C-alpha atoms as a PDB file:
ATOM      1  CA  MET A   1      -2.945 -30.872 -53.467  1.00  0.00           C
ATOM      2  CA  ARG A   2      -5.819 -28.690 -52.870  1.00  0.00           C
ATOM      3  CA  ARG A   3      -5.229 -26.079 -49.974  1.00  0.00           C
ATOM      4  CA  ARG A   4      -8.619 -27.386 -48.252  1.00  0.00           C
ATOM      5  CA  GLU A   5      -7.397 -31.121 -48.586  1.00  0.00           C
ATOM      6  CA  PHE A   6      -3.473 -30.281 -47.301  1.00  0.00           C
ATOM      7  CA  ILE A   7      -5.371 -28.610 -44.034  1.00  0.00           C
ATOM      8  CA  LYS A   8      -7.283 -31.477 -43.357  1.00  0.00           C
ATOM      9  CA  ASN A   9      -4.326 -34.070 -43.963  1.00  0.00           C
ATOM     10  CA  SER A  10      -1.205 -32.282 -42.888  1.00  0.00           C
ATOM     11  CA  SER A  11       0.386 -33.865 -39.931  1.00  0.00           C
ATOM     12  CA  MET A  12       1.952 -29.854 -39.314  1.00  0.00           C
ATOM     13  CA  ILE A  13      -1.449 -29.237 -37.802  1.00  0.00           C
ATOM     14  CA  GLY A  14      -2.071 -32.062 -36.126  1.00  0.00           C
ATOM     15  CA  VAL A  15      -5.690 -30.987 -34.479  1.00  0.00           C
ATOM     16  CA  GLY A  16      -8.351 -32.662 -37.028  1.00  0.00           C
ATOM     17  CA  ALA A  17     -10.513 -31.424 -40.287  1.00  0.00           C
ATOM     18  CA  TYR A  18     -11.722 -28.017 -40.245  1.00  0.00           C
ATOM     19  CA  THR A  19     -15.171 -27.780 -39.202  1.00  0.00           C
ATOM     20  CA  ALA A  20     -17.487 -24.140 -39.499  1.00  0.00           C
ATOM     21  CA  SER A  21     -19.620 -25.218 -36.388  1.00  0.00           C
ATOM     22  CA  LYS A  22     -16.432 -25.798 -33.910  1.00  0.00           C
ATOM     23  CA  LEU A  23     -14.481 -22.406 -34.856  1.00  0.00           C
ATOM     24  CA  GLY A  24     -17.836 -20.634 -35.887  1.00  0.00           C
ATOM     25  CA  ILE A  25     -17.043 -18.914 -38.873  1.00  0.00           C
ATOM     26  CA  LEU A  26     -19.642 -16.519 -39.545  1.00  0.00           C
ATOM     27  CA  GLU A  27     -21.777 -14.394 -40.934  1.00  0.00           C
ATOM     28  CA  LEU A  28     -20.119 -10.853 -41.712  1.00  0.00           C
ATOM     29  CA  ASN A  29     -20.157  -8.974 -38.906  1.00  0.00           C
ATOM     30  CA  LYS A  30     -22.178 -11.255 -36.539  1.00  0.00           C
ATOM     31  CA  PHE A  31     -22.333 -13.738 -34.260  1.00  0.00           C
ATOM     32  CA  PRO A  32     -25.142 -16.648 -34.713  1.00  0.00           C
ATOM     33  CA  GLY A  33     -28.477 -15.520 -33.607  1.00  0.00           C
ATOM     34  CA  GLY A  34     -27.563 -11.708 -35.082  1.00  0.00           C
ATOM     35  CA  LYS A  35     -25.776 -10.708 -31.673  1.00  0.00           C
ATOM     36  CA  MET A  36     -22.849  -8.172 -32.092  1.00  0.00           C
ATOM     37  CA  ALA A  37     -19.360  -9.198 -30.524  1.00  0.00           C
ATOM     38  CA  SER A  38     -18.137  -8.169 -27.395  1.00  0.00           C
ATOM     39  CA  PRO A  39     -14.541  -6.121 -28.132  1.00  0.00           C
ATOM     40  CA  VAL A  40     -11.653  -8.357 -26.849  1.00  0.00           C
ATOM     41  CA  ILE A  41      -7.771  -7.002 -27.092  1.00  0.00           C
ATOM     42  CA  ILE A  42      -4.780  -9.122 -26.459  1.00  0.00           C
ATOM     43  CA  SER A  43      -1.399  -8.097 -26.774  1.00  0.00           C
ATOM     44  CA  THR A  44       2.434  -8.999 -25.553  1.00  0.00           C
ATOM     45  CA  TRP A  45       4.264  -8.119 -22.605  1.00  0.00           C
ATOM     46  CA  ASN A  46       3.162  -5.971 -19.172  1.00  0.00           C
ATOM     47  CA  PHE A  47       3.790  -2.790 -21.438  1.00  0.00           C
ATOM     48  CA  GLY A  48       0.520  -4.188 -23.362  1.00  0.00           C
ATOM     49  CA  THR A  49      -1.913  -3.329 -20.375  1.00  0.00           C
ATOM     50  CA  LYS A  50      -1.097   0.401 -21.678  1.00  0.00           C
ATOM     51  CA  ALA A  51      -1.782  -0.270 -24.964  1.00  0.00           C
ATOM     52  CA  ASN A  52      -4.704  -2.163 -24.444  1.00  0.00           C
ATOM     53  CA  GLU A  53      -6.463   0.914 -22.936  1.00  0.00           C
ATOM     54  CA  VAL A  54      -5.471   3.108 -25.505  1.00  0.00           C
ATOM     55  CA  ALA A  55      -6.544   0.769 -28.073  1.00  0.00           C
ATOM     56  CA  TRP A  56     -10.000   0.440 -26.037  1.00  0.00           C
ATOM     57  CA  LYS A  57     -10.617   3.967 -25.879  1.00  0.00           C
ATOM     58  CA  ALA A  58     -10.427   4.030 -29.331  1.00  0.00           C
ATOM     59  CA  LEU A  59     -13.183   1.338 -29.590  1.00  0.00           C
ATOM     60  CA  SER A  60     -15.201   3.036 -27.179  1.00  0.00           C
ATOM     61  CA  ALA A  61     -14.852   6.488 -29.291  1.00  0.00           C
ATOM     62  CA  GLY A  62     -16.091   4.239 -32.278  1.00  0.00           C
ATOM     63  CA  SER A  63     -13.038   3.584 -34.427  1.00  0.00           C
ATOM     64  CA  ASN A  64     -12.643   0.159 -35.988  1.00  0.00           C
ATOM     65  CA  SER A  65      -9.876  -2.852 -34.690  1.00  0.00           C
ATOM     66  CA  LEU A  66      -7.353  -1.269 -37.627  1.00  0.00           C
ATOM     67  CA  ASP A  67      -7.375   2.218 -35.717  1.00  0.00           C
ATOM     68  CA  ALA A  68      -7.074   0.591 -32.344  1.00  0.00           C
ATOM     69  CA  VAL A  69      -4.554  -1.172 -33.203  1.00  0.00           C
ATOM     70  CA  GLU A  70      -2.770   1.336 -34.485  1.00  0.00           C
ATOM     71  CA  GLN A  71      -3.270   3.659 -31.629  1.00  0.00           C
ATOM     72  CA  GLY A  72      -2.561   0.798 -28.759  1.00  0.00           C
ATOM     73  CA  ILE A  73       0.623   0.558 -30.461  1.00  0.00           C
ATOM     74  CA  ARG A  74       1.627   3.957 -31.403  1.00  0.00           C
ATOM     75  CA  MET A  75       0.998   4.569 -27.361  1.00  0.00           C
ATOM     76  CA  ILE A  76       3.976   2.040 -27.086  1.00  0.00           C
ATOM     77  CA  GLU A  77       6.781   3.437 -29.675  1.00  0.00           C
ATOM     78  CA  GLU A  78       6.794   6.910 -28.144  1.00  0.00           C
ATOM     79  CA  ASP A  79       7.480   5.808 -24.819  1.00  0.00           C
ATOM     80  CA  PRO A  80      11.690   5.739 -24.010  1.00  0.00           C
ATOM     81  CA  ASN A  81      11.262   3.966 -21.012  1.00  0.00           C
ATOM     82  CA  ILE A  82      10.408   0.454 -23.337  1.00  0.00           C
ATOM     83  CA  MET A  83      13.545   0.051 -24.667  1.00  0.00           C
ATOM     84  CA  SER A  84      12.383  -2.572 -26.688  1.00  0.00           C
ATOM     85  CA  VAL A  85      10.207  -0.054 -29.239  1.00  0.00           C
ATOM     86  CA  GLY A  86      10.018   2.676 -31.130  1.00  0.00           C
ATOM     87  CA  TYR A  87      11.968   6.012 -29.626  1.00  0.00           C
ATOM     88  CA  GLY A  88      14.565   5.139 -26.767  1.00  0.00           C
ATOM     89  CA  GLY A  89      14.725   1.218 -28.219  1.00  0.00           C
ATOM     90  CA  LEU A  90      18.535  -0.428 -28.456  1.00  0.00           C
ATOM     91  CA  PRO A  91      20.386   0.134 -31.273  1.00  0.00           C
ATOM     92  CA  ASP A  92      22.447  -1.954 -33.397  1.00  0.00           C
ATOM     93  CA  GLU A  93      25.983  -2.531 -33.295  1.00  0.00           C
ATOM     94  CA  LEU A  94      26.723   0.998 -35.547  1.00  0.00           C
ATOM     95  CA  MET A  95      24.565   2.502 -32.878  1.00  0.00           C
ATOM     96  CA  ASP A  96      21.851   3.322 -35.094  1.00  0.00           C
ATOM     97  CA  VAL A  97      18.401   2.883 -34.221  1.00  0.00           C
ATOM     98  CA  THR A  98      15.693   1.243 -36.895  1.00  0.00           C
ATOM     99  CA  LEU A  99      12.586  -0.076 -36.406  1.00  0.00           C
ATOM    100  CA  ASP A 100      10.346  -3.264 -37.635  1.00  0.00           C
ATOM    101  CA  ALA A 101       6.656  -2.802 -38.013  1.00  0.00           C
ATOM    102  CA  SER A 102       3.584  -4.765 -39.765  1.00  0.00           C
ATOM    103  CA  ILE A 103      -0.129  -4.096 -39.754  1.00  0.00           C
ATOM    104  CA  MET A 104      -2.922  -5.989 -41.384  1.00  0.00           C
ATOM    105  CA  ASP A 105      -6.858  -5.873 -40.785  1.00  0.00           C
ATOM    106  CA  TRP A 106      -9.838  -8.541 -40.815  1.00  0.00           C
ATOM    107  CA  ARG A 107      -9.964  -7.949 -45.284  1.00  0.00           C
ATOM    108  CA  GLY A 108      -6.428  -9.349 -45.651  1.00  0.00           C
ATOM    109  CA  ASN A 109      -5.038  -5.436 -46.280  1.00  0.00           C
ATOM    110  CA  CYS A 110      -1.063  -5.682 -45.065  1.00  0.00           C
ATOM    111  CA  GLY A 111       1.746  -3.331 -44.583  1.00  0.00           C
ATOM    112  CA  ALA A 112       5.054  -3.612 -43.672  1.00  0.00           C
ATOM    113  CA  VAL A 113       8.164  -1.658 -42.871  1.00  0.00           C
ATOM    114  CA  GLY A 114      12.028  -2.739 -42.355  1.00  0.00           C
ATOM    115  CA  ALA A 115      15.115  -1.392 -40.742  1.00  0.00           C
ATOM    116  CA  LEU A 116      13.282   1.915 -40.629  1.00  0.00           C
ATOM    117  CA  PRO A 117      15.401   4.475 -39.183  1.00  0.00           C
ATOM    118  CA  LYS A 118      14.456   7.821 -37.800  1.00  0.00           C
ATOM    119  CA  ILE A 119      10.741   7.748 -37.629  1.00  0.00           C
ATOM    120  CA  VAL A 120       8.867   7.120 -34.099  1.00  0.00           C
ATOM    121  CA  HIS A 121       5.689   5.431 -35.619  1.00  0.00           C
ATOM    122  CA  ALA A 122       6.785   2.735 -37.490  1.00  0.00           C
ATOM    123  CA  VAL A 123       3.350   0.980 -37.186  1.00  0.00           C
ATOM    124  CA  SER A 124       1.740   4.141 -39.044  1.00  0.00           C
ATOM    125  CA  VAL A 125       4.415   3.914 -41.468  1.00  0.00           C
ATOM    126  CA  ALA A 126       3.225   0.675 -42.622  1.00  0.00           C
ATOM    127  CA  ARG A 127       0.082   1.320 -42.343  1.00  0.00           C
ATOM    128  CA  THR A 128       0.776   4.048 -44.988  1.00  0.00           C
ATOM    129  CA  VAL A 129       2.642   1.578 -46.802  1.00  0.00           C
ATOM    130  CA  MET A 130      -0.790  -0.466 -46.541  1.00  0.00           C
ATOM    131  CA  GLU A 131      -3.175   2.471 -47.882  1.00  0.00           C
ATOM    132  CA  ARG A 132      -0.783   4.660 -49.988  1.00  0.00           C
ATOM    133  CA  SER A 133       1.162   2.172 -52.039  1.00  0.00           C
ATOM    134  CA  LYS A 134       0.690  -1.693 -54.012  1.00  0.00           C
ATOM    135  CA  HIS A 135       3.084  -2.711 -52.153  1.00  0.00           C
ATOM    136  CA  VAL A 136       3.136  -4.693 -48.895  1.00  0.00           C
ATOM    137  CA  MET A 137       6.631  -4.111 -47.750  1.00  0.00           C
ATOM    138  CA  LEU A 138       9.466  -1.094 -47.869  1.00  0.00           C
ATOM    139  CA  VAL A 139      12.863  -1.268 -45.917  1.00  0.00           C
ATOM    140  CA  GLY A 140      15.590   1.171 -44.766  1.00  0.00           C
ATOM    141  CA  GLU A 141      15.861   4.155 -46.752  1.00  0.00           C
ATOM    142  CA  GLY A 142      13.140   3.804 -48.863  1.00  0.00           C
ATOM    143  CA  ALA A 143      10.717   3.515 -46.398  1.00  0.00           C
ATOM    144  CA  TYR A 144      12.155   6.430 -44.547  1.00  0.00           C
ATOM    145  CA  GLU A 145      11.534   8.209 -47.679  1.00  0.00           C
ATOM    146  CA  PHE A 146       8.092   7.347 -48.331  1.00  0.00           C
ATOM    147  CA  ALA A 147       7.700   8.204 -45.229  1.00  0.00           C
ATOM    148  CA  LEU A 148       9.009  12.117 -45.320  1.00  0.00           C
ATOM    149  CA  ALA A 149       7.014  11.929 -48.318  1.00  0.00           C
ATOM    150  CA  HIS A 150       3.888  11.378 -46.460  1.00  0.00           C
ATOM    151  CA  GLY A 151       4.402  13.894 -43.796  1.00  0.00           C
ATOM    152  CA  PHE A 152       6.344  12.031 -41.110  1.00  0.00           C
ATOM    153  CA  LYS A 153       8.754  13.737 -38.970  1.00  0.00           C
ATOM    154  CA  PRO A 154      12.567  12.930 -38.560  1.00  0.00           C
ATOM    155  CA  THR A 155      13.256  12.392 -35.027  1.00  0.00           C
ATOM    156  CA  ASP A 156      16.798  11.055 -33.688  1.00  0.00           C
ATOM    157  CA  LEU A 157      15.742   7.888 -32.002  1.00  0.00           C
ATOM    158  CA  LEU A 158      18.745   7.208 -29.993  1.00  0.00           C
ATOM    159  CA  THR A 159      18.060   8.333 -26.279  1.00  0.00           C
ATOM    160  CA  ASP A 160      20.914   8.903 -23.303  1.00  0.00           C
ATOM    161  CA  LYS A 161      19.761   6.167 -22.004  1.00  0.00           C
ATOM    162  CA  ALA A 162      20.356   3.637 -25.315  1.00  0.00           C
ATOM    163  CA  ARG A 163      23.256   5.106 -25.559  1.00  0.00           C
ATOM    164  CA  GLU A 164      24.839   4.400 -22.425  1.00  0.00           C
ATOM    165  CA  ALA A 165      23.699   1.137 -22.827  1.00  0.00           C
ATOM    166  CA  TRP A 166      25.319   0.683 -26.217  1.00  0.00           C
ATOM    167  CA  LEU A 167      28.060   2.034 -24.356  1.00  0.00           C
ATOM    168  CA  LYS A 168      28.537  -0.543 -21.701  1.00  0.00           C
ATOM    169  CA  TRP A 169      27.620  -3.412 -24.217  1.00  0.00           C
ATOM    170  CA  LYS A 170      31.085  -1.740 -26.649  1.00  0.00           C
ATOM    171  CA  ASP A 171      33.339  -1.592 -23.996  1.00  0.00           C
ATOM    172  CA  ASN A 172      32.717  -5.146 -23.049  1.00  0.00           C
ATOM    173  CA  LEU A 173      32.303  -6.583 -26.488  1.00  0.00           C
ATOM    174  CA  GLY A 174      33.803 -10.496 -26.799  1.00  0.00           C
ATOM    175  CA  PRO A 175      33.763 -13.116 -29.175  1.00  0.00           C
ATOM    176  CA  ASP A 176      30.031 -14.020 -28.326  1.00  0.00           C
ATOM    177  CA  ASN A 177      28.319 -11.817 -30.395  1.00  0.00           C
ATOM    178  CA  ASN A 178      25.476 -11.037 -33.151  1.00  0.00           C
ATOM    179  CA  TRP A 179      28.578 -12.145 -35.523  1.00  0.00           C
ATOM    180  CA  LEU A 180      29.149 -15.819 -33.989  1.00  0.00           C
ATOM    181  CA  GLY A 181      26.016 -16.924 -32.212  1.00  0.00           C
ATOM    182  CA  PRO A 182      23.881 -16.603 -28.631  1.00  0.00           C
ATOM    183  CA  HIS A 183      23.956 -13.882 -26.508  1.00  0.00           C
ATOM    184  CA  ASP A 184      22.739 -13.487 -23.501  1.00  0.00           C
ATOM    185  CA  MET A 185      19.405 -11.556 -22.729  1.00  0.00           C
ATOM    186  CA  ASN A 186      18.768  -9.464 -19.801  1.00  0.00           C
ATOM    187  CA  ASP A 187      17.070  -5.968 -19.566  1.00  0.00           C
ATOM    188  CA  LEU A 188      19.593  -4.372 -22.024  1.00  0.00           C
ATOM    189  CA  ASP A 189      20.770  -7.273 -23.803  1.00  0.00           C
ATOM    190  CA  GLY A 190      19.247  -9.988 -26.153  1.00  0.00           C
ATOM    191  CA  ASN A 191      15.907  -7.437 -26.106  1.00  0.00           C
ATOM    192  CA  HIS A 192      13.020  -9.215 -27.854  1.00  0.00           C
ATOM    193  CA  ASP A 193      10.480  -7.626 -26.553  1.00  0.00           C
ATOM    194  CA  THR A 194       7.962  -6.725 -29.373  1.00  0.00           C
ATOM    195  CA  ILE A 195       4.965  -5.044 -29.169  1.00  0.00           C
ATOM    196  CA  GLY A 196       1.834  -7.587 -30.513  1.00  0.00           C
ATOM    197  CA  LEU A 197      -1.364  -5.962 -30.403  1.00  0.00           C
ATOM    198  CA  LEU A 198      -4.982  -7.863 -31.700  1.00  0.00           C
ATOM    199  CA  VAL A 199      -8.095  -6.274 -31.474  1.00  0.00           C
ATOM    200  CA  LEU A 200     -11.719  -7.711 -31.844  1.00  0.00           C
ATOM    201  CA  ASP A 201     -14.263  -5.200 -32.443  1.00  0.00           C
ATOM    202  CA  SER A 202     -17.871  -4.896 -32.025  1.00  0.00           C
ATOM    203  CA  LYS A 203     -18.705  -5.921 -35.498  1.00  0.00           C
ATOM    204  CA  ALA A 204     -16.672  -9.073 -35.019  1.00  0.00           C
ATOM    205  CA  HIS A 205     -13.953  -7.229 -37.324  1.00  0.00           C
ATOM    206  CA  LEU A 206     -10.377  -8.491 -36.037  1.00  0.00           C
ATOM    207  CA  SER A 207      -6.906  -6.813 -37.212  1.00  0.00           C
ATOM    208  CA  GLY A 208      -3.448  -7.000 -35.752  1.00  0.00           C
ATOM    209  CA  GLY A 209       0.526  -5.315 -35.558  1.00  0.00           C
ATOM    210  CA  VAL A 210       3.151  -5.674 -34.459  1.00  0.00           C
ATOM    211  CA  SER A 211       6.182  -2.738 -33.533  1.00  0.00           C
ATOM    212  CA  THR A 212       9.991  -3.344 -32.492  1.00  0.00           C
ATOM    213  CA  SER A 213      13.249  -2.001 -32.599  1.00  0.00           C
ATOM    214  CA  GLY A 214      14.695  -5.508 -33.225  1.00  0.00           C
ATOM    215  CA  LEU A 215      17.372  -7.551 -31.489  1.00  0.00           C
ATOM    216  CA  SER A 216      19.370  -5.145 -29.426  1.00  0.00           C
ATOM    217  CA  TRP A 217      23.031  -4.753 -30.921  1.00  0.00           C
ATOM    218  CA  LYS A 218      22.300  -7.050 -33.945  1.00  0.00           C
ATOM    219  CA  ILE A 219      23.971  -6.261 -37.576  1.00  0.00           C
ATOM    220  CA  HIS A 220      23.593  -3.097 -39.178  1.00  0.00           C
ATOM    221  CA  GLY A 221      20.839  -4.210 -42.096  1.00  0.00           C
ATOM    222  CA  ARG A 222      19.074  -6.848 -39.680  1.00  0.00           C
ATOM    223  CA  VAL A 223      15.327  -7.294 -40.292  1.00  0.00           C
ATOM    224  CA  GLY A 224      13.494  -9.493 -38.085  1.00  0.00           C
ATOM    225  CA  ASP A 225       9.985 -11.324 -38.071  1.00  0.00           C
ATOM    226  CA  SER A 226       7.800  -8.446 -37.143  1.00  0.00           C
ATOM    227  CA  PRO A 227       7.742  -6.692 -40.338  1.00  0.00           C
ATOM    228  CA  ILE A 228       6.938 -10.427 -42.321  1.00  0.00           C
ATOM    229  CA  ILE A 229       3.302 -10.675 -42.808  1.00  0.00           C
ATOM    230  CA  GLY A 230       2.642 -14.644 -41.615  1.00  0.00           C
ATOM    231  CA  ALA A 231       5.754 -14.453 -39.347  1.00  0.00           C
ATOM    232  CA  GLY A 232       4.937 -11.280 -37.007  1.00  0.00           C
ATOM    233  CA  VAL A 233       1.565 -10.939 -37.374  1.00  0.00           C
ATOM    234  CA  TYR A 234      -1.234 -12.484 -39.394  1.00  0.00           C
ATOM    235  CA  VAL A 235      -4.872 -12.157 -39.672  1.00  0.00           C
ATOM    236  CA  ASP A 236      -7.888 -13.983 -41.138  1.00  0.00           C
ATOM    237  CA  GLY A 237     -10.925 -12.117 -41.174  1.00  0.00           C
ATOM    238  CA  LYS A 238     -13.219 -15.511 -40.869  1.00  0.00           C
ATOM    239  CA  VAL A 239     -10.792 -17.590 -38.389  1.00  0.00           C
ATOM    240  CA  GLY A 240      -8.283 -15.107 -36.690  1.00  0.00           C
ATOM    241  CA  ALA A 241      -5.366 -13.332 -35.749  1.00  0.00           C
ATOM    242  CA  ALA A 242      -1.970 -14.122 -33.901  1.00  0.00           C
ATOM    243  CA  ALA A 243       1.181 -12.545 -33.375  1.00  0.00           C
ATOM    244  CA  SER A 244       4.506 -12.861 -32.175  1.00  0.00           C
ATOM    245  CA  THR A 245       7.479 -12.071 -29.625  1.00  0.00           C
ATOM    246  CA  GLY A 246      10.964 -13.485 -29.374  1.00  0.00           C
ATOM    247  CA  VAL A 247      13.615 -14.313 -31.435  1.00  0.00           C
ATOM    248  CA  GLY A 248      12.809 -13.493 -35.149  1.00  0.00           C
ATOM    249  CA  GLU A 249      14.882 -15.820 -36.910  1.00  0.00           C
ATOM    250  CA  ALA A 250      13.351 -18.742 -34.862  1.00  0.00           C
ATOM    251  CA  ASN A 251       9.941 -17.392 -35.912  1.00  0.00           C
ATOM    252  CA  MET A 252      10.800 -17.012 -39.230  1.00  0.00           C
ATOM    253  CA  ARG A 253      11.639 -20.458 -39.849  1.00  0.00           C
ATOM    254  CA  ILE A 254       8.464 -21.750 -39.086  1.00  0.00           C
ATOM    255  CA  VAL A 255       6.317 -18.757 -39.920  1.00  0.00           C
ATOM    256  CA  GLY A 256       4.567 -19.005 -36.707  1.00  0.00           C
ATOM    257  CA  SER A 257       1.306 -16.525 -36.905  1.00  0.00           C
ATOM    258  CA  HIS A 258       0.016 -17.982 -39.848  1.00  0.00           C
ATOM    259  CA  LEU A 259       0.429 -21.571 -38.678  1.00  0.00           C
ATOM    260  CA  VAL A 260      -1.208 -20.481 -35.384  1.00  0.00           C
ATOM    261  CA  VAL A 261      -3.745 -18.826 -37.545  1.00  0.00           C
ATOM    262  CA  GLU A 262      -4.287 -22.057 -39.745  1.00  0.00           C
ATOM    263  CA  SER A 263      -4.214 -24.363 -36.335  1.00  0.00           C
ATOM    264  CA  MET A 264      -7.651 -22.379 -35.816  1.00  0.00           C
ATOM    265  CA  LYS A 265      -8.904 -23.028 -38.961  1.00  0.00           C
ATOM    266  CA  ALA A 266      -8.032 -26.614 -38.422  1.00  0.00           C
ATOM    267  CA  GLY A 267     -10.096 -26.515 -35.511  1.00  0.00           C
ATOM    268  CA  ALA A 268      -7.622 -25.885 -32.783  1.00  0.00           C
ATOM    269  CA  SER A 269      -8.727 -23.142 -30.017  1.00  0.00           C
ATOM    270  CA  PRO A 270      -6.733 -19.909 -29.737  1.00  0.00           C
ATOM    271  CA  GLN A 271      -4.580 -21.990 -26.624  1.00  0.00           C
ATOM    272  CA  GLU A 272      -4.149 -24.903 -28.710  1.00  0.00           C
ATOM    273  CA  ALA A 273      -3.164 -23.189 -32.298  1.00  0.00           C
ATOM    274  CA  CYS A 274      -0.519 -21.002 -29.665  1.00  0.00           C
ATOM    275  CA  GLU A 275       0.992 -24.337 -28.464  1.00  0.00           C
ATOM    276  CA  ILE A 276       0.745 -26.466 -31.783  1.00  0.00           C
ATOM    277  CA  ALA A 277       3.143 -23.443 -33.206  1.00  0.00           C
ATOM    278  CA  ILE A 278       5.448 -23.099 -29.812  1.00  0.00           C
ATOM    279  CA  ARG A 279       5.937 -27.214 -30.294  1.00  0.00           C
ATOM    280  CA  ARG A 280       7.080 -26.237 -33.895  1.00  0.00           C
ATOM    281  CA  ALA A 281       9.574 -24.284 -32.708  1.00  0.00           C
ATOM    282  CA  ILE A 282      10.786 -26.342 -30.132  1.00  0.00           C
ATOM    283  CA  GLU A 283      11.002 -29.730 -32.704  1.00  0.00           C
ATOM    284  CA  VAL A 284      13.308 -26.958 -35.230  1.00  0.00           C
ATOM    285  CA  HIS A 285      15.308 -25.286 -32.499  1.00  0.00           C
ATOM    286  CA  SER A 286      15.895 -28.370 -30.217  1.00  0.00           C
ATOM    287  CA  LYS A 287      19.698 -28.060 -30.926  1.00  0.00           C
ATOM    288  CA  VAL A 288      19.792 -24.138 -29.966  1.00  0.00           C
ATOM    289  CA  LEU A 289      17.669 -24.814 -27.123  1.00  0.00           C
ATOM    290  CA  LYS A 290      19.904 -26.601 -25.336  1.00  0.00           C
ATOM    291  CA  LYS A 291      23.265 -24.603 -25.837  1.00  0.00           C
ATOM    292  CA  ASP A 292      20.972 -20.932 -25.418  1.00  0.00           C
ATOM    293  CA  LYS A 293      19.442 -20.220 -21.841  1.00  0.00           C
ATOM    294  CA  SER A 294      17.977 -17.007 -22.995  1.00  0.00           C
ATOM    295  CA  PHE A 295      16.067 -18.561 -26.344  1.00  0.00           C
ATOM    296  CA  GLN A 296      12.643 -16.977 -26.460  1.00  0.00           C
ATOM    297  CA  LEU A 297       9.753 -17.494 -28.692  1.00  0.00           C
ATOM    298  CA  ALA A 298       6.082 -16.472 -27.689  1.00  0.00           C
ATOM    299  CA  TYR A 299       2.671 -16.294 -29.634  1.00  0.00           C
ATOM    300  CA  ILE A 300      -0.396 -14.809 -28.613  1.00  0.00           C
ATOM    301  CA  GLY A 301      -3.835 -16.066 -30.433  1.00  0.00           C
ATOM    302  CA  ILE A 302      -7.625 -14.780 -31.047  1.00  0.00           C
ATOM    303  CA  ASP A 303     -10.501 -15.937 -32.801  1.00  0.00           C
ATOM    304  CA  VAL A 304     -13.536 -13.970 -34.106  1.00  0.00           C
ATOM    305  CA  ARG A 305     -15.478 -15.445 -31.132  1.00  0.00           C
ATOM    306  CA  GLY A 306     -13.019 -13.633 -28.761  1.00  0.00           C
ATOM    307  CA  GLU A 307     -11.390 -16.238 -27.406  1.00  0.00           C
ATOM    308  CA  VAL A 308      -7.758 -16.046 -26.436  1.00  0.00           C
ATOM    309  CA  GLY A 309      -4.605 -17.697 -26.078  1.00  0.00           C
ATOM    310  CA  GLY A 310      -1.022 -17.550 -25.360  1.00  0.00           C
ATOM    311  CA  ALA A 311       2.010 -19.784 -25.557  1.00  0.00           C
ATOM    312  CA  ALA A 312       5.858 -19.450 -25.073  1.00  0.00           C
ATOM    313  CA  ILE A 313       8.738 -21.660 -25.247  1.00  0.00           C
ATOM    314  CA  ARG A 314      10.295 -21.034 -21.699  1.00  0.00           C
ATOM    315  CA  LYS A 315       8.712 -19.378 -18.747  1.00  0.00           C
ATOM    316  CA  GLY A 316       8.518 -15.691 -18.301  1.00  0.00           C
ATOM    317  CA  PHE A 317       6.177 -14.374 -20.881  1.00  0.00           C
ATOM    318  CA  GLN A 318       3.261 -12.561 -20.390  1.00  0.00           C
ATOM    319  CA  TYR A 319       0.272 -11.214 -22.233  1.00  0.00           C
ATOM    320  CA  ALA A 320      -2.553  -8.724 -21.156  1.00  0.00           C
ATOM    321  CA  VAL A 321      -6.225  -9.282 -21.964  1.00  0.00           C
ATOM    322  CA  ARG A 322      -8.786  -6.518 -22.266  1.00  0.00           C
ATOM    323  CA  LYS A 323     -12.727  -7.474 -22.261  1.00  0.00           C
ATOM    324  CA  GLU A 324     -15.761  -6.956 -20.536  1.00  0.00           C
ATOM    325  CA  GLY A 325     -14.028  -4.475 -18.052  1.00  0.00           C
ATOM    326  CA  THR A 326     -11.352  -5.522 -17.016  1.00  0.00           C
ATOM    327  CA  ASN A 327      -7.613  -5.077 -18.600  1.00  0.00           C
ATOM    328  CA  LYS A 328      -5.676  -8.610 -16.803  1.00  0.00           C
ATOM    329  CA  LEU A 329      -2.201  -9.620 -17.327  1.00  0.00           C
ATOM    330  CA  ILE A 330      -1.604 -13.559 -17.714  1.00  0.00           C
ATOM    331  CA  ASP A 331       1.560 -15.239 -17.189  1.00  0.00           C
ATOM    332  CA  SER A 332       1.488 -17.339 -20.219  1.00  0.00           C
ATOM    333  CA  LYS A 333       1.851 -21.077 -20.511  1.00  0.00           C
ATOM    334  CA  PHE A 334       5.374 -22.054 -21.277  1.00  0.00           C
ATOM    335  CA  LEU A 335       6.462 -25.690 -23.247  1.00  0.00           C
ATOM    336  CA  TYR A 336      10.006 -26.250 -22.044  1.00  0.00           C
ATOM    337  CA  ASN A 337      11.913 -27.149 -19.314  1.00  0.00           C
ATOM    338  CA  ASP A 338      15.420 -26.995 -19.423  1.00  0.00           C
END
């Protein structure tokens, strides 16, 4: 079956056939009537407002959407008070901090790193993989050696605060841990707060990226969804972009960011597309949801017209939107009630 026929007929999408007039597929770089796009930025969680401002300043200085994504995420990666991303991120079971990140532009170029040690700006290493190699993803020591070869400086990513949190977890370790299954989620346990950032610039060019230190206390060697193109982030320059945050294993099972973008291509708005992906996640993980009250997954999306959306499994997810002089934090719609 041809790809377009699949999209048209698939019950997975369930939003009708692709229509260029509804979606607004544009002549390159321009909206109908020749008007240039108004920049829009959307990002995950309350720290996204900070990332949005950095990305907006980059756009205002003439940078494109890819540069803005990288600069906005870098700011979050270097903040030690954000314990789910970059420097200061919570470690794995062996007290090692490793990072996952990916980045993608409107032309389909993409790069990623997984289980990256000792480098603060994982998103920049991911971009370097994209621009300085024929690969999409590098992991572990190989990613680290690649970073060193391109001038990145090693840093001890483990802060005193993160070390103290690990010691507290270790002192209270019981049978209910990452080897066996569900774990509680609070500020220092079961942390899933990935920074996801999507940018539409004035030329209607879309880019997106994600970065995280991954699930706290994870089994050494675990790689989440963030560096997987189509799961953590996905961009189609003629349609839209999406990014995820939450339980990475849940997102990998449905390749959710790709599903969001393909739903937009089939005619859904970004909000509708995010809800489609969340419904799929709920369907696939219905048994887990009943047992694990902390199980969370969320998506943000943006299309080439600058329309945005966000949805989550459970209450509590927030996303930040920067456009037309405002930088607003929004309580996401959620679709699952315990």
